[in-house]
Every structure is written in C-alpha cells, then in structure tokens.
Amino acid sequence: MTPNLTAFTGVDSQNLPNVMVSVQFILAIGEKDRVTTKAIIFPVNYT
C-alpha cells in the first residue's frame, strides 16, 4: 500500500519531514492493524 502524500505535501511542503515521520509511524501501526491505518490515512466516509 502506497499512500498518496499529495494531500499532505500539497498543503504545506515545509512540513514534509514531519509528514514523512508521521506516515512511517502510521504505516508501522498499519502492520499491526491495516484497517485502522486505512481509516487514519483516508478519513473518508464510504457509506
């Protein structure tokens, strides 16, 4: 799974280092719970 970082970097490229750390942290959690990870990365109501 490769999350689209445009949503983060497109807003404020100055926060890129923090975003990369956050994404790696989320993906690390995702190894344990991928459903929660998708919910965090893609906070979209599909219903």
N, C-alpha and C. Protein backbone atom coordinates (compact mmCIF):
# COMPACT_ATOMS: atom_id res chain seq x y z
N MET A 1 0.84 -1.19 0.00
CA MET A 1 0.00 0.00 0.00
C MET A 1 0.88 1.24 0.00
N THR A 2 0.62 2.11 -0.97
CA THR A 2 1.39 3.36 -1.06
C THR A 2 0.44 4.54 -0.92
N PRO A 3 0.43 5.20 0.24
CA PRO A 3 -0.48 6.32 0.45
C PRO A 3 -0.09 7.51 -0.41
N ASN A 4 -1.09 8.25 -0.84
CA ASN A 4 -0.86 9.43 -1.66
C ASN A 4 -0.50 10.60 -0.74
N LEU A 5 0.75 11.05 -0.82
CA LEU A 5 1.22 12.11 0.08
C LEU A 5 0.84 13.50 -0.41
N THR A 6 0.21 13.58 -1.60
CA THR A 6 -0.14 14.88 -2.15
C THR A 6 -1.04 15.65 -1.19
N ALA A 7 -1.92 14.93 -0.52
CA ALA A 7 -2.85 15.59 0.40
C ALA A 7 -2.10 16.31 1.51
N PHE A 8 -0.91 15.77 1.87
CA PHE A 8 -0.12 16.39 2.93
C PHE A 8 0.84 17.43 2.36
N THR A 9 1.66 17.02 1.40
CA THR A 9 2.72 17.89 0.88
C THR A 9 2.13 19.03 0.06
N GLY A 10 0.93 18.85 -0.49
CA GLY A 10 0.32 19.88 -1.32
C GLY A 10 -0.13 21.07 -0.48
N VAL A 11 -0.33 20.83 0.82
CA VAL A 11 -0.82 21.90 1.68
C VAL A 11 0.34 22.76 2.17
N ASP A 12 1.36 22.12 2.71
CA ASP A 12 2.49 22.87 3.25
C ASP A 12 3.75 22.02 3.13
N SER A 13 4.54 22.27 2.11
CA SER A 13 5.74 21.47 1.86
C SER A 13 6.77 21.65 2.98
N GLN A 14 6.62 22.70 3.78
CA GLN A 14 7.57 22.92 4.88
C GLN A 14 7.46 21.82 5.93
N ASN A 15 6.30 21.17 5.97
CA ASN A 15 6.07 20.13 6.97
C ASN A 15 6.44 18.75 6.46
N LEU A 16 7.12 18.70 5.31
CA LEU A 16 7.43 17.41 4.69
C LEU A 16 8.16 16.45 5.65
N PRO A 17 9.21 16.86 6.36
CA PRO A 17 9.90 15.93 7.27
C PRO A 17 8.96 15.37 8.33
N ASN A 18 8.12 16.22 8.90
CA ASN A 18 7.17 15.75 9.92
C ASN A 18 6.15 14.82 9.31
N VAL A 19 5.73 15.12 8.09
CA VAL A 19 4.76 14.26 7.40
C VAL A 19 5.35 12.89 7.17
N MET A 20 6.61 12.84 6.72
CA MET A 20 7.24 11.55 6.43
C MET A 20 7.34 10.71 7.69
N VAL A 21 7.68 11.35 8.81
CA VAL A 21 7.77 10.63 10.08
C VAL A 21 6.39 10.13 10.49
N SER A 22 5.39 10.97 10.32
CA SER A 22 4.03 10.59 10.70
C SER A 22 3.54 9.43 9.84
N VAL A 23 3.82 9.49 8.54
CA VAL A 23 3.39 8.43 7.64
C VAL A 23 4.08 7.12 7.99
N GLN A 24 5.37 7.18 8.27
CA GLN A 24 6.10 5.96 8.64
C GLN A 24 5.54 5.39 9.94
N PHE A 25 5.18 6.27 10.86
CA PHE A 25 4.61 5.83 12.13
C PHE A 25 3.26 5.16 11.90
N ILE A 26 2.43 5.79 11.04
CA ILE A 26 1.12 5.22 10.73
C ILE A 26 1.26 3.88 10.03
N LEU A 27 2.20 3.81 9.08
CA LEU A 27 2.40 2.55 8.36
C LEU A 27 2.92 1.47 9.29
N ALA A 28 3.74 1.87 10.26
CA ALA A 28 4.25 0.89 11.22
C ALA A 28 3.09 0.32 12.04
N ILE A 29 2.17 1.18 12.43
CA ILE A 29 0.97 0.71 13.13
C ILE A 29 0.15 -0.15 12.19
N GLY A 30 0.13 0.24 10.93
CA GLY A 30 -0.66 -0.47 9.93
C GLY A 30 -0.24 -1.92 9.78
N GLU A 31 1.03 -2.21 10.08
CA GLU A 31 1.48 -3.60 10.01
C GLU A 31 0.73 -4.44 11.04
N LYS A 32 0.27 -3.77 12.10
CA LYS A 32 -0.48 -4.48 13.14
C LYS A 32 -1.98 -4.40 12.88
N ASP A 33 -2.42 -3.30 12.33
CA ASP A 33 -3.86 -3.10 12.12
C ASP A 33 -4.07 -2.28 10.86
N ARG A 34 -4.17 -2.95 9.73
CA ARG A 34 -4.28 -2.25 8.44
C ARG A 34 -5.62 -1.54 8.28
N VAL A 35 -6.65 -2.07 8.89
CA VAL A 35 -7.95 -1.43 8.77
C VAL A 35 -7.93 -0.05 9.41
N THR A 36 -7.35 0.03 10.61
CA THR A 36 -7.24 1.30 11.31
C THR A 36 -6.35 2.26 10.52
N THR A 37 -5.29 1.73 9.92
CA THR A 37 -4.37 2.56 9.15
C THR A 37 -5.10 3.21 7.99
N LYS A 38 -5.88 2.43 7.27
CA LYS A 38 -6.62 3.00 6.13
C LYS A 38 -7.59 4.06 6.62
N ALA A 39 -8.19 3.84 7.78
CA ALA A 39 -9.13 4.80 8.33
C ALA A 39 -8.42 6.10 8.68
N ILE A 40 -7.16 6.00 9.13
CA ILE A 40 -6.38 7.18 9.50
C ILE A 40 -5.90 7.92 8.26
N ILE A 41 -5.37 7.16 7.29
CA ILE A 41 -4.80 7.79 6.09
C ILE A 41 -5.91 8.33 5.19
N PHE A 42 -7.00 7.59 5.10
CA PHE A 42 -8.10 8.01 4.23
C PHE A 42 -9.36 8.22 5.06
N PRO A 43 -9.44 9.34 5.79
CA PRO A 43 -10.60 9.59 6.65
C PRO A 43 -11.82 9.98 5.81
N VAL A 44 -12.33 9.01 5.06
CA VAL A 44 -13.46 9.28 4.17
C VAL A 44 -14.61 8.36 4.55
N ASN A 45 -15.81 8.91 4.59
CA ASN A 45 -16.99 8.11 4.91
C ASN A 45 -17.49 7.47 3.63
N TYR A 46 -17.26 6.17 3.48
CA TYR A 46 -17.62 5.47 2.24
C TYR A 46 -19.09 5.07 2.22
N THR A 47 -19.77 5.20 3.34
CA THR A 47 -21.19 4.84 3.37
C THR A 47 -21.93 5.99 2.80
